[in-house]
Amino acid sequence: MRLVIAECQVDYVGRLTAHLPMAPRLLLVKADGSVSVHADDRAYKPLNWMSPPCWLQEQPGVWTVRNKADESLVITIDKVLHDSTHELGVDPGLVKDGVEAHLQQLLAEHPNTLGEGLTLIRREYPTAIGPVDLLCRDPGGGTVAVEIKRRGEIDGVEQLTRYLELLGRDPLLSPVSGVFAAQQIKPQARTLAADRGIRCVTVDYDGLRGVAPAGLRLF
């Protein structure tokens, strides 16, 4: 991973345009090729980013990142304050709670319980910001990202929203819809999910272990 702290401005040109004026920012260049721009707030969410596959071209004072959709992220650097590279090695991945991990396995084996006609594309679908629990295909050919929790709270909906924003920028996957699945879903999380266009599924874990369709309630 390469960490660069620099006075820079950022211009994104693609399906829309976005401009970040000159300011100190952290630039992350990861081994998977992704490039993201961060401020010293907003927790882990980047101000802008380019997901792989993409290509970084460095010229004096200017970084240009392009992807296969011909979108570009142009980073104009006025002053570099820090530039270092670190080898992190292979990450062992997130170790999930036993019940949550088993839920994921069961739903991967029976994706149609999350929606009529859903088929599994992949478990733990990798992205630049973490793996999507399940990536599925609906009967119309659309992509469906599924986030699975034992207890569904607002943080889980926010996490799925970030995945949807990222996956939606990939022309091979777009359009992408979301399903938030949990044993219990708090009302605040359900309200936020509805506002974001995310469908909620309450899962009966015991019923699912017996693959009893009546044990699931769709909302």
C-alpha atoms as a PDB file:
ATOM      1  CA  MET A   1       0.000   0.000   0.000  1.00  0.00           C
ATOM      2  CA  ARG A   2       1.251   3.484  -0.887  1.00  0.00           C
ATOM      3  CA  LEU A   3       0.352   6.402   1.393  1.00  0.00           C
ATOM      4  CA  VAL A   4       0.714   9.926   0.046  1.00  0.00           C
ATOM      5  CA  ILE A   5      -0.265  13.054   1.964  1.00  0.00           C
ATOM      6  CA  ALA A   6      -0.335  16.038  -0.376  1.00  0.00           C
ATOM      7  CA  GLU A   7      -1.800  19.439  -1.070  1.00  0.00           C
ATOM      8  CA  CYS A   8      -3.961  18.553  -4.036  1.00  0.00           C
ATOM      9  CA  GLN A   9      -7.122  19.150  -5.987  1.00  0.00           C
ATOM     10  CA  VAL A  10      -9.180  16.334  -7.476  1.00  0.00           C
ATOM     11  CA  ASP A  11     -11.388  16.312 -10.574  1.00  0.00           C
ATOM     12  CA  TYR A  12     -13.556  13.339 -11.521  1.00  0.00           C
ATOM     13  CA  VAL A  13     -14.893  13.053 -15.070  1.00  0.00           C
ATOM     14  CA  GLY A  14     -17.252  10.251 -16.032  1.00  0.00           C
ATOM     15  CA  ARG A  15     -20.981   9.763 -15.849  1.00  0.00           C
ATOM     16  CA  LEU A  16     -20.930  12.928 -13.762  1.00  0.00           C
ATOM     17  CA  THR A  17     -18.297  15.493 -12.801  1.00  0.00           C
ATOM     18  CA  ALA A  18     -17.004  16.349  -9.334  1.00  0.00           C
ATOM     19  CA  HIS A  19     -14.380  18.788  -8.077  1.00  0.00           C
ATOM     20  CA  LEU A  20     -12.442  18.913  -4.816  1.00  0.00           C
ATOM     21  CA  PRO A  21     -10.555  22.200  -4.380  1.00  0.00           C
ATOM     22  CA  MET A  22      -6.917  22.370  -3.293  1.00  0.00           C
ATOM     23  CA  ALA A  23      -6.436  21.085   0.278  1.00  0.00           C
ATOM     24  CA  PRO A  24      -4.297  18.601   2.253  1.00  0.00           C
ATOM     25  CA  ARG A  25      -5.521  15.048   1.617  1.00  0.00           C
ATOM     26  CA  LEU A  26      -4.481  11.429   2.002  1.00  0.00           C
ATOM     27  CA  LEU A  27      -4.099   9.441  -1.230  1.00  0.00           C
ATOM     28  CA  LEU A  28      -4.226   5.631  -0.921  1.00  0.00           C
ATOM     29  CA  VAL A  29      -2.933   3.424  -3.709  1.00  0.00           C
ATOM     30  CA  LYS A  30      -3.633  -0.235  -2.918  1.00  0.00           C
ATOM     31  CA  ALA A  31      -2.140  -3.420  -4.305  1.00  0.00           C
ATOM     32  CA  ASP A  32      -5.405  -4.190  -6.121  1.00  0.00           C
ATOM     33  CA  GLY A  33      -4.882  -1.004  -8.162  1.00  0.00           C
ATOM     34  CA  SER A  34      -7.560   1.088  -6.486  1.00  0.00           C
ATOM     35  CA  VAL A  35      -6.909   4.757  -5.750  1.00  0.00           C
ATOM     36  CA  SER A  36      -8.892   6.660  -3.128  1.00  0.00           C
ATOM     37  CA  VAL A  37      -8.810  10.215  -1.766  1.00  0.00           C
ATOM     38  CA  HIS A  38      -9.444  10.866   1.935  1.00  0.00           C
ATOM     39  CA  ALA A  39      -9.901  13.881   4.213  1.00  0.00           C
ATOM     40  CA  ASP A  40      -9.206  13.908   7.954  1.00  0.00           C
ATOM     41  CA  ASP A  41     -12.881  13.273   8.770  1.00  0.00           C
ATOM     42  CA  ARG A  42     -15.805  11.171   7.478  1.00  0.00           C
ATOM     43  CA  ALA A  43     -14.328   8.061   9.107  1.00  0.00           C
ATOM     44  CA  TYR A  44     -13.464   5.453   6.455  1.00  0.00           C
ATOM     45  CA  LYS A  45     -15.469   6.889   3.531  1.00  0.00           C
ATOM     46  CA  PRO A  46     -13.275   8.393   0.775  1.00  0.00           C
ATOM     47  CA  LEU A  47     -14.075  11.730  -0.824  1.00  0.00           C
ATOM     48  CA  ASN A  48     -13.560  10.129  -4.219  1.00  0.00           C
ATOM     49  CA  TRP A  49     -12.047   6.944  -5.565  1.00  0.00           C
ATOM     50  CA  MET A  50     -11.435   4.754  -8.591  1.00  0.00           C
ATOM     51  CA  SER A  51     -12.029   1.020  -8.250  1.00  0.00           C
ATOM     52  CA  PRO A  52     -10.034  -1.646 -10.085  1.00  0.00           C
ATOM     53  CA  PRO A  53      -9.446  -2.425 -12.834  1.00  0.00           C
ATOM     54  CA  CYS A  54      -7.929   1.033 -13.290  1.00  0.00           C
ATOM     55  CA  TRP A  55      -4.588   2.487 -14.323  1.00  0.00           C
ATOM     56  CA  LEU A  56      -2.532   5.202 -12.626  1.00  0.00           C
ATOM     57  CA  GLN A  57      -0.319   7.423 -14.748  1.00  0.00           C
ATOM     58  CA  GLU A  58       2.027   9.702 -12.810  1.00  0.00           C
ATOM     59  CA  GLN A  59       3.453  12.869 -14.315  1.00  0.00           C
ATOM     60  CA  PRO A  60       5.143  15.752 -12.453  1.00  0.00           C
ATOM     61  CA  GLY A  61       2.398  17.379 -10.398  1.00  0.00           C
ATOM     62  CA  VAL A  62      -0.442  15.329 -11.903  1.00  0.00           C
ATOM     63  CA  TRP A  63      -1.838  11.836 -11.312  1.00  0.00           C
ATOM     64  CA  THR A  64      -4.365  10.555 -13.826  1.00  0.00           C
ATOM     65  CA  VAL A  65      -6.370   7.443 -12.970  1.00  0.00           C
ATOM     66  CA  ARG A  66      -8.507   5.870 -15.695  1.00  0.00           C
ATOM     67  CA  ASN A  67     -10.744   2.817 -15.842  1.00  0.00           C
ATOM     68  CA  LYS A  68     -12.145   0.701 -18.659  1.00  0.00           C
ATOM     69  CA  ALA A  69     -15.351   2.780 -18.686  1.00  0.00           C
ATOM     70  CA  ASP A  70     -13.200   5.764 -19.753  1.00  0.00           C
ATOM     71  CA  GLU A  71     -13.828   7.580 -16.474  1.00  0.00           C
ATOM     72  CA  SER A  72     -10.925   9.541 -15.078  1.00  0.00           C
ATOM     73  CA  LEU A  73      -9.750  10.875 -11.739  1.00  0.00           C
ATOM     74  CA  VAL A  74      -7.247  13.709 -12.160  1.00  0.00           C
ATOM     75  CA  ILE A  75      -5.273  14.589  -9.021  1.00  0.00           C
ATOM     76  CA  THR A  76      -3.295  17.818  -9.315  1.00  0.00           C
ATOM     77  CA  ILE A  77      -0.568  17.885  -6.651  1.00  0.00           C
ATOM     78  CA  ASP A  78       0.863  21.184  -5.433  1.00  0.00           C
ATOM     79  CA  LYS A  79       3.043  19.823  -2.620  1.00  0.00           C
ATOM     80  CA  VAL A  80       3.852  16.333  -1.307  1.00  0.00           C
ATOM     81  CA  LEU A  81       4.036  16.173   2.495  1.00  0.00           C
ATOM     82  CA  HIS A  82       4.570  12.408   2.858  1.00  0.00           C
ATOM     83  CA  ASP A  83       5.102   9.472   0.482  1.00  0.00           C
ATOM     84  CA  SER A  84       5.676   5.920   1.712  1.00  0.00           C
ATOM     85  CA  THR A  85       5.010   2.358   0.561  1.00  0.00           C
ATOM     86  CA  HIS A  86       4.256  -0.563   2.871  1.00  0.00           C
ATOM     87  CA  GLU A  87       3.866  -4.290   2.154  1.00  0.00           C
ATOM     88  CA  LEU A  88       0.856  -5.565   4.106  1.00  0.00           C
ATOM     89  CA  GLY A  89       0.797  -9.110   2.745  1.00  0.00           C
ATOM     90  CA  VAL A  90      -2.299 -11.259   2.361  1.00  0.00           C
ATOM     91  CA  ASP A  91      -5.102 -10.263   4.716  1.00  0.00           C
ATOM     92  CA  PRO A  92      -6.747 -13.180   6.561  1.00  0.00           C
ATOM     93  CA  GLY A  93     -10.137 -11.500   6.154  1.00  0.00           C
ATOM     94  CA  LEU A  94     -12.923 -10.759   8.582  1.00  0.00           C
ATOM     95  CA  VAL A  95     -13.705 -13.505  11.057  1.00  0.00           C
ATOM     96  CA  LYS A  96     -17.454 -13.444  11.475  1.00  0.00           C
ATOM     97  CA  ASP A  97     -19.544 -14.441  14.459  1.00  0.00           C
ATOM     98  CA  GLY A  98     -20.347 -18.160  14.216  1.00  0.00           C
ATOM     99  CA  VAL A  99     -24.081 -17.668  13.689  1.00  0.00           C
ATOM    100  CA  GLU A 100     -23.544 -14.862  11.175  1.00  0.00           C
ATOM    101  CA  ALA A 101     -21.039 -16.942   9.207  1.00  0.00           C
ATOM    102  CA  HIS A 102     -23.424 -19.912   9.165  1.00  0.00           C
ATOM    103  CA  LEU A 103     -26.260 -17.640   8.028  1.00  0.00           C
ATOM    104  CA  GLN A 104     -24.134 -16.546   5.113  1.00  0.00           C
ATOM    105  CA  GLN A 105     -23.345 -20.148   4.190  1.00  0.00           C
ATOM    106  CA  LEU A 106     -26.987 -21.215   4.369  1.00  0.00           C
ATOM    107  CA  LEU A 107     -28.226 -18.250   2.348  1.00  0.00           C
ATOM    108  CA  ALA A 108     -25.497 -18.863  -0.250  1.00  0.00           C
ATOM    109  CA  GLU A 109     -26.786 -22.419  -0.613  1.00  0.00           C
ATOM    110  CA  HIS A 110     -30.403 -21.254  -0.846  1.00  0.00           C
ATOM    111  CA  PRO A 111     -30.349 -17.708  -2.317  1.00  0.00           C
ATOM    112  CA  ASN A 112     -33.934 -17.954  -3.520  1.00  0.00           C
ATOM    113  CA  THR A 113     -35.008 -17.595   0.118  1.00  0.00           C
ATOM    114  CA  LEU A 114     -33.877 -13.955  -0.155  1.00  0.00           C
ATOM    115  CA  GLY A 115     -36.049 -13.379  -3.201  1.00  0.00           C
ATOM    116  CA  GLU A 116     -37.858 -15.388  -5.838  1.00  0.00           C
ATOM    117  CA  GLY A 117     -35.497 -16.574  -8.550  1.00  0.00           C
ATOM    118  CA  LEU A 118     -32.258 -15.247  -7.063  1.00  0.00           C
ATOM    119  CA  THR A 119     -29.127 -17.208  -7.977  1.00  0.00           C
ATOM    120  CA  LEU A 120     -25.697 -16.927  -6.385  1.00  0.00           C
ATOM    121  CA  ILE A 121     -22.805 -15.340  -8.281  1.00  0.00           C
ATOM    122  CA  ARG A 122     -20.266 -15.472  -5.459  1.00  0.00           C
ATOM    123  CA  ARG A 123     -19.801 -15.426  -1.690  1.00  0.00           C
ATOM    124  CA  GLU A 124     -17.501 -12.762  -0.201  1.00  0.00           C
ATOM    125  CA  TYR A 125     -17.344 -10.826  -3.473  1.00  0.00           C
ATOM    126  CA  PRO A 126     -14.162  -8.689  -3.201  1.00  0.00           C
ATOM    127  CA  THR A 127     -14.254  -4.903  -3.514  1.00  0.00           C
ATOM    128  CA  ALA A 128     -11.783  -2.144  -2.709  1.00  0.00           C
ATOM    129  CA  ILE A 129     -13.631  -1.411   0.550  1.00  0.00           C
ATOM    130  CA  GLY A 130     -14.248  -4.964   1.716  1.00  0.00           C
ATOM    131  CA  PRO A 131     -16.084  -8.131   0.646  1.00  0.00           C
ATOM    132  CA  VAL A 132     -19.812  -8.176  -0.136  1.00  0.00           C
ATOM    133  CA  ASP A 133     -21.368 -11.115   1.747  1.00  0.00           C
ATOM    134  CA  LEU A 134     -23.294 -12.435  -1.255  1.00  0.00           C
ATOM    135  CA  LEU A 135     -23.495 -11.238  -4.829  1.00  0.00           C
ATOM    136  CA  CYS A 136     -26.540 -12.625  -6.631  1.00  0.00           C
ATOM    137  CA  ARG A 137     -28.412 -12.381  -9.924  1.00  0.00           C
ATOM    138  CA  ASP A 138     -32.152 -11.722 -10.118  1.00  0.00           C
ATOM    139  CA  PRO A 139     -34.447 -13.273 -12.774  1.00  0.00           C
ATOM    140  CA  GLY A 140     -34.207 -10.094 -14.870  1.00  0.00           C
ATOM    141  CA  GLY A 141     -30.408 -10.324 -15.037  1.00  0.00           C
ATOM    142  CA  GLY A 142     -29.806  -7.550 -12.483  1.00  0.00           C
ATOM    143  CA  THR A 143     -27.103  -7.758  -9.824  1.00  0.00           C
ATOM    144  CA  VAL A 144     -28.112  -8.001  -6.160  1.00  0.00           C
ATOM    145  CA  ALA A 145     -25.692  -7.284  -3.290  1.00  0.00           C
ATOM    146  CA  VAL A 146     -26.642  -8.923   0.025  1.00  0.00           C
ATOM    147  CA  GLU A 147     -25.354  -7.826   3.426  1.00  0.00           C
ATOM    148  CA  ILE A 148     -25.973 -10.358   6.225  1.00  0.00           C
ATOM    149  CA  LYS A 149     -26.056  -9.549   9.930  1.00  0.00           C
ATOM    150  CA  ARG A 150     -27.273 -11.352  13.007  1.00  0.00           C
ATOM    151  CA  ARG A 151     -28.693  -8.060  14.293  1.00  0.00           C
ATOM    152  CA  GLY A 152     -29.562  -5.460  11.663  1.00  0.00           C
ATOM    153  CA  GLU A 153     -28.674  -1.909  12.650  1.00  0.00           C
ATOM    154  CA  ILE A 154     -28.053   1.385  10.865  1.00  0.00           C
ATOM    155  CA  ASP A 155     -24.316   0.659  10.501  1.00  0.00           C
ATOM    156  CA  GLY A 156     -25.127  -2.415   8.426  1.00  0.00           C
ATOM    157  CA  VAL A 157     -27.354  -0.405   6.092  1.00  0.00           C
ATOM    158  CA  GLU A 158     -24.610   2.212   5.707  1.00  0.00           C
ATOM    159  CA  GLN A 159     -22.120  -0.552   4.915  1.00  0.00           C
ATOM    160  CA  LEU A 160     -24.379  -1.990   2.215  1.00  0.00           C
ATOM    161  CA  THR A 161     -24.979   1.516   0.818  1.00  0.00           C
ATOM    162  CA  ARG A 162     -21.226   1.957   0.323  1.00  0.00           C
ATOM    163  CA  TYR A 163     -21.022  -1.369  -1.502  1.00  0.00           C
ATOM    164  CA  LEU A 164     -23.945  -0.402  -3.747  1.00  0.00           C
ATOM    165  CA  GLU A 165     -22.347   2.947  -4.611  1.00  0.00           C
ATOM    166  CA  LEU A 166     -19.091   1.217  -5.518  1.00  0.00           C
ATOM    167  CA  LEU A 167     -20.565  -1.733  -7.427  1.00  0.00           C
ATOM    168  CA  GLY A 168     -22.953   0.562  -9.283  1.00  0.00           C
ATOM    169  CA  ARG A 169     -19.972   2.258 -10.912  1.00  0.00           C
ATOM    170  CA  ASP A 170     -18.943  -1.014 -12.588  1.00  0.00           C
ATOM    171  CA  PRO A 171     -20.688  -1.188 -15.989  1.00  0.00           C
ATOM    172  CA  LEU A 172     -20.450  -4.990 -15.916  1.00  0.00           C
ATOM    173  CA  LEU A 173     -22.549  -5.151 -12.728  1.00  0.00           C
ATOM    174  CA  SER A 174     -24.801  -2.089 -12.940  1.00  0.00           C
ATOM    175  CA  PRO A 175     -27.617  -1.730 -12.103  1.00  0.00           C
ATOM    176  CA  VAL A 176     -27.141  -3.146  -8.606  1.00  0.00           C
ATOM    177  CA  SER A 177     -29.892  -3.473  -5.991  1.00  0.00           C
ATOM    178  CA  GLY A 178     -29.465  -4.310  -2.309  1.00  0.00           C
ATOM    179  CA  VAL A 179     -30.872  -6.771   0.215  1.00  0.00           C
ATOM    180  CA  PHE A 180     -30.235  -6.349   3.947  1.00  0.00           C
ATOM    181  CA  ALA A 181     -30.756  -9.691   5.714  1.00  0.00           C
ATOM    182  CA  ALA A 182     -30.700 -10.249   9.492  1.00  0.00           C
ATOM    183  CA  GLN A 183     -32.349 -12.214  12.268  1.00  0.00           C
ATOM    184  CA  GLN A 184     -33.592  -8.946  13.769  1.00  0.00           C
ATOM    185  CA  ILE A 185     -33.743  -5.553  12.073  1.00  0.00           C
ATOM    186  CA  LYS A 186     -34.142  -2.397  14.147  1.00  0.00           C
ATOM    187  CA  PRO A 187     -36.883   0.017  13.060  1.00  0.00           C
ATOM    188  CA  GLN A 188     -34.359   2.801  12.418  1.00  0.00           C
ATOM    189  CA  ALA A 189     -32.349   0.503  10.140  1.00  0.00           C
ATOM    190  CA  ARG A 190     -35.497  -0.568   8.298  1.00  0.00           C
ATOM    191  CA  THR A 191     -36.502   3.064   7.759  1.00  0.00           C
ATOM    192  CA  LEU A 192     -33.052   3.998   6.445  1.00  0.00           C
ATOM    193  CA  ALA A 193     -32.995   0.957   4.160  1.00  0.00           C
ATOM    194  CA  ALA A 194     -36.376   1.884   2.682  1.00  0.00           C
ATOM    195  CA  ASP A 195     -35.128   5.423   2.082  1.00  0.00           C
ATOM    196  CA  ARG A 196     -32.081   4.035   0.247  1.00  0.00           C
ATOM    197  CA  GLY A 197     -34.167   1.639  -1.860  1.00  0.00           C
ATOM    198  CA  ILE A 198     -32.771  -1.402  -0.039  1.00  0.00           C
ATOM    199  CA  ARG A 199     -35.046  -4.390   0.592  1.00  0.00           C
ATOM    200  CA  CYS A 200     -34.995  -5.941   4.089  1.00  0.00           C
ATOM    201  CA  VAL A 201     -35.349  -9.658   4.819  1.00  0.00           C
ATOM    202  CA  THR A 202     -35.833 -10.954   8.355  1.00  0.00           C
ATOM    203  CA  VAL A 203     -34.296 -14.430   8.624  1.00  0.00           C
ATOM    204  CA  ASP A 204     -35.437 -17.206  10.960  1.00  0.00           C
ATOM    205  CA  TYR A 205     -32.107 -18.910  11.622  1.00  0.00           C
ATOM    206  CA  ASP A 206     -33.608 -22.089  13.073  1.00  0.00           C
ATOM    207  CA  GLY A 207     -36.083 -22.314  10.213  1.00  0.00           C
ATOM    208  CA  LEU A 208     -33.358 -21.698   7.650  1.00  0.00           C
ATOM    209  CA  ARG A 209     -31.241 -24.528   9.059  1.00  0.00           C
ATOM    210  CA  GLY A 210     -34.177 -26.764   8.187  1.00  0.00           C
ATOM    211  CA  VAL A 211     -34.573 -24.867   4.892  1.00  0.00           C
ATOM    212  CA  ALA A 212     -38.153 -24.007   5.785  1.00  0.00           C
ATOM    213  CA  PRO A 213     -39.292 -21.197   3.458  1.00  0.00           C
ATOM    214  CA  ALA A 214     -42.074 -20.238   5.852  1.00  0.00           C
ATOM    215  CA  GLY A 215     -39.402 -19.225   8.340  1.00  0.00           C
ATOM    216  CA  LEU A 216     -38.515 -16.135   6.277  1.00  0.00           C
ATOM    217  CA  ARG A 217     -40.519 -12.933   6.200  1.00  0.00           C
ATOM    218  CA  LEU A 218     -39.939 -10.514   3.356  1.00  0.00           C
ATOM    219  CA  PHE A 219     -40.472  -6.777   3.899  1.00  0.00           C
END
